[in-house]
């Protein structure tokens, strides 16, 4: 089992920055990828960014150039810059390990003036 604890959510103004962090604990050896997903009320959970154990990153097109994911495969951070007004959403940390996905409980992010 892998436990995930997210932090860093909150309210930010449009154009501002916020960093989300997620710490993994438990059986963390063999983590293949860590990532962040976003889910607004009534919407599906969508990928924001993911990073593999080999350091390859993928960012959603909507955040490319503004958000940056980094990780040491124990923690994963998402630096969010130039944030745009959007629905308040929960950001979820995800770990992929030996074919299984593990999820954190989410941290809420609101972008509003």
C-alpha atoms as a PDB file:
ATOM      1  CA  UNK A   1       0.000   0.000   0.000  1.00  0.00           C
ATOM      2  CA  UNK A   2       0.996   3.565  -0.659  1.00  0.00           C
ATOM      3  CA  UNK A   3      -0.341   6.475   1.316  1.00  0.00           C
ATOM      4  CA  UNK A   4      -0.360   9.953  -0.173  1.00  0.00           C
ATOM      5  CA  UNK A   5      -0.655  13.245   1.620  1.00  0.00           C
ATOM      6  CA  UNK A   6      -1.244  16.405  -0.391  1.00  0.00           C
ATOM      7  CA  UNK A   7      -0.675  19.956   0.733  1.00  0.00           C
ATOM      8  CA  UNK A   8      -0.482  23.438  -0.683  1.00  0.00           C
ATOM      9  CA  UNK A   9      -3.973  24.080  -1.941  1.00  0.00           C
ATOM     10  CA  UNK A  10      -5.769  27.348  -1.364  1.00  0.00           C
ATOM     11  CA  UNK A  11      -7.023  30.508  -2.953  1.00  0.00           C
ATOM     12  CA  UNK A  12      -4.907  32.302  -5.495  1.00  0.00           C
ATOM     13  CA  UNK A  13      -5.597  35.309  -7.669  1.00  0.00           C
ATOM     14  CA  UNK A  14      -5.583  35.063 -11.445  1.00  0.00           C
ATOM     15  CA  UNK A  15      -2.034  35.388 -12.662  1.00  0.00           C
ATOM     16  CA  UNK A  16      -0.656  34.176  -9.373  1.00  0.00           C
ATOM     17  CA  UNK A  17       1.292  31.085  -8.432  1.00  0.00           C
ATOM     18  CA  UNK A  18       0.769  28.143  -6.155  1.00  0.00           C
ATOM     19  CA  UNK A  19       2.754  25.006  -5.409  1.00  0.00           C
ATOM     20  CA  UNK A  20       1.154  21.707  -4.527  1.00  0.00           C
ATOM     21  CA  UNK A  21       3.136  19.007  -2.767  1.00  0.00           C
ATOM     22  CA  UNK A  22       2.445  15.351  -2.197  1.00  0.00           C
ATOM     23  CA  UNK A  23       4.398  12.995   0.039  1.00  0.00           C
ATOM     24  CA  UNK A  24       4.232   9.253  -0.456  1.00  0.00           C
ATOM     25  CA  UNK A  25       4.707   6.781   2.363  1.00  0.00           C
ATOM     26  CA  UNK A  26       4.370   3.046   2.848  1.00  0.00           C
ATOM     27  CA  UNK A  27       5.595   0.769   0.069  1.00  0.00           C
ATOM     28  CA  UNK A  28       7.208   3.421  -2.096  1.00  0.00           C
ATOM     29  CA  UNK A  29       9.899   1.289  -3.714  1.00  0.00           C
ATOM     30  CA  UNK A  30       9.057   0.617  -7.327  1.00  0.00           C
ATOM     31  CA  UNK A  31       6.956   3.688  -7.953  1.00  0.00           C
ATOM     32  CA  UNK A  32       6.844   4.067 -11.714  1.00  0.00           C
ATOM     33  CA  UNK A  33       5.170   7.445 -11.957  1.00  0.00           C
ATOM     34  CA  UNK A  34       3.705  10.215  -9.878  1.00  0.00           C
ATOM     35  CA  UNK A  35       1.236  12.775 -11.062  1.00  0.00           C
ATOM     36  CA  UNK A  36      -1.469  15.309 -10.427  1.00  0.00           C
ATOM     37  CA  UNK A  37      -5.053  15.233 -11.578  1.00  0.00           C
ATOM     38  CA  UNK A  38      -7.737  17.866 -11.362  1.00  0.00           C
ATOM     39  CA  UNK A  39     -11.466  17.456 -10.827  1.00  0.00           C
ATOM     40  CA  UNK A  40     -14.028  20.227 -10.702  1.00  0.00           C
ATOM     41  CA  UNK A  41     -17.570  19.542  -9.429  1.00  0.00           C
ATOM     42  CA  UNK A  42     -19.581  17.658 -12.038  1.00  0.00           C
ATOM     43  CA  UNK A  43     -16.535  17.044 -14.188  1.00  0.00           C
ATOM     44  CA  UNK A  44     -14.323  14.050 -14.735  1.00  0.00           C
ATOM     45  CA  UNK A  45     -10.905  13.778 -13.209  1.00  0.00           C
ATOM     46  CA  UNK A  46      -8.356  14.957 -15.740  1.00  0.00           C
ATOM     47  CA  UNK A  47      -4.606  14.637 -15.913  1.00  0.00           C
ATOM     48  CA  UNK A  48      -2.687  17.822 -15.161  1.00  0.00           C
ATOM     49  CA  UNK A  49       0.857  16.481 -15.210  1.00  0.00           C
ATOM     50  CA  UNK A  50       2.767  13.269 -14.671  1.00  0.00           C
ATOM     51  CA  UNK A  51       6.415  12.370 -14.220  1.00  0.00           C
ATOM     52  CA  UNK A  52       7.954   8.944 -14.572  1.00  0.00           C
ATOM     53  CA  UNK A  53      10.739   7.393 -12.539  1.00  0.00           C
ATOM     54  CA  UNK A  54      12.955   8.045 -15.546  1.00  0.00           C
ATOM     55  CA  UNK A  55      12.212  11.732 -15.397  1.00  0.00           C
ATOM     56  CA  UNK A  56       9.920  11.993 -18.391  1.00  0.00           C
ATOM     57  CA  UNK A  57       7.171  14.540 -17.910  1.00  0.00           C
ATOM     58  CA  UNK A  58       3.834  15.112 -19.556  1.00  0.00           C
ATOM     59  CA  UNK A  59       1.750  18.206 -18.970  1.00  0.00           C
ATOM     60  CA  UNK A  60      -1.788  18.745 -20.148  1.00  0.00           C
ATOM     61  CA  UNK A  61      -1.936  21.091 -23.104  1.00  0.00           C
ATOM     62  CA  UNK A  62      -3.941  23.575 -21.070  1.00  0.00           C
ATOM     63  CA  UNK A  63      -1.115  24.014 -18.567  1.00  0.00           C
ATOM     64  CA  UNK A  64       1.913  23.544 -20.798  1.00  0.00           C
ATOM     65  CA  UNK A  65       4.409  26.322 -20.189  1.00  0.00           C
ATOM     66  CA  UNK A  66       2.706  27.463 -17.000  1.00  0.00           C
ATOM     67  CA  UNK A  67       2.816  24.448 -14.710  1.00  0.00           C
ATOM     68  CA  UNK A  68       5.825  22.322 -13.866  1.00  0.00           C
ATOM     69  CA  UNK A  69       5.919  18.921 -12.203  1.00  0.00           C
ATOM     70  CA  UNK A  70       8.942  17.633 -10.319  1.00  0.00           C
ATOM     71  CA  UNK A  71       9.544  14.561  -8.212  1.00  0.00           C
ATOM     72  CA  UNK A  72      12.086  12.330  -6.522  1.00  0.00           C
ATOM     73  CA  UNK A  73       9.586   9.460  -6.514  1.00  0.00           C
ATOM     74  CA  UNK A  74       8.959  10.044  -2.811  1.00  0.00           C
ATOM     75  CA  UNK A  75       7.411  13.460  -3.169  1.00  0.00           C
ATOM     76  CA  UNK A  76       5.871  15.163  -6.152  1.00  0.00           C
ATOM     77  CA  UNK A  77       5.433  18.881  -6.541  1.00  0.00           C
ATOM     78  CA  UNK A  78       3.342  20.855  -8.973  1.00  0.00           C
ATOM     79  CA  UNK A  79       4.373  24.454  -9.464  1.00  0.00           C
ATOM     80  CA  UNK A  80       1.473  26.353 -10.960  1.00  0.00           C
ATOM     81  CA  UNK A  81       2.246  29.756 -12.492  1.00  0.00           C
ATOM     82  CA  UNK A  82       0.123  32.281 -14.348  1.00  0.00           C
ATOM     83  CA  UNK A  83      -3.010  30.682 -13.031  1.00  0.00           C
ATOM     84  CA  UNK A  84      -6.195  31.364 -14.919  1.00  0.00           C
ATOM     85  CA  UNK A  85      -9.666  31.947 -13.492  1.00  0.00           C
ATOM     86  CA  UNK A  86     -11.396  28.601 -13.316  1.00  0.00           C
ATOM     87  CA  UNK A  87     -13.898  26.585 -11.341  1.00  0.00           C
ATOM     88  CA  UNK A  88     -12.733  25.627  -7.886  1.00  0.00           C
ATOM     89  CA  UNK A  89     -11.345  22.135  -8.204  1.00  0.00           C
ATOM     90  CA  UNK A  90      -9.749  19.405  -6.200  1.00  0.00           C
ATOM     91  CA  UNK A  91      -6.250  18.397  -7.178  1.00  0.00           C
ATOM     92  CA  UNK A  92      -5.378  14.782  -6.549  1.00  0.00           C
ATOM     93  CA  UNK A  93      -1.964  13.229  -6.225  1.00  0.00           C
ATOM     94  CA  UNK A  94      -1.541   9.911  -7.999  1.00  0.00           C
ATOM     95  CA  UNK A  95       1.052   7.176  -7.807  1.00  0.00           C
ATOM     96  CA  UNK A  96       1.406   4.326 -10.258  1.00  0.00           C
ATOM     97  CA  UNK A  97       3.186   1.315  -8.848  1.00  0.00           C
ATOM     98  CA  UNK A  98       3.257  -2.258 -10.135  1.00  0.00           C
ATOM     99  CA  UNK A  99       0.146  -1.793 -12.198  1.00  0.00           C
ATOM    100  CA  UNK A 100      -1.872  -0.168  -9.421  1.00  0.00           C
ATOM    101  CA  UNK A 101      -2.956   3.401  -8.958  1.00  0.00           C
ATOM    102  CA  UNK A 102      -3.054   5.096  -5.593  1.00  0.00           C
ATOM    103  CA  UNK A 103      -4.784   8.388  -4.869  1.00  0.00           C
ATOM    104  CA  UNK A 104      -4.545  11.059  -2.265  1.00  0.00           C
ATOM    105  CA  UNK A 105      -7.617  12.649  -0.744  1.00  0.00           C
ATOM    106  CA  UNK A 106      -7.203  15.830  -2.734  1.00  0.00           C
ATOM    107  CA  UNK A 107      -6.431  19.445  -2.024  1.00  0.00           C
ATOM    108  CA  UNK A 108      -8.687  22.237  -3.171  1.00  0.00           C
ATOM    109  CA  UNK A 109      -7.533  25.061  -5.405  1.00  0.00           C
ATOM    110  CA  UNK A 110      -9.567  28.156  -6.143  1.00  0.00           C
ATOM    111  CA  UNK A 111      -8.505  30.816  -8.614  1.00  0.00           C
ATOM    112  CA  UNK A 112     -10.446  33.980  -8.082  1.00  0.00           C
ATOM    113  CA  UNK A 113     -10.027  37.680  -7.580  1.00  0.00           C
END
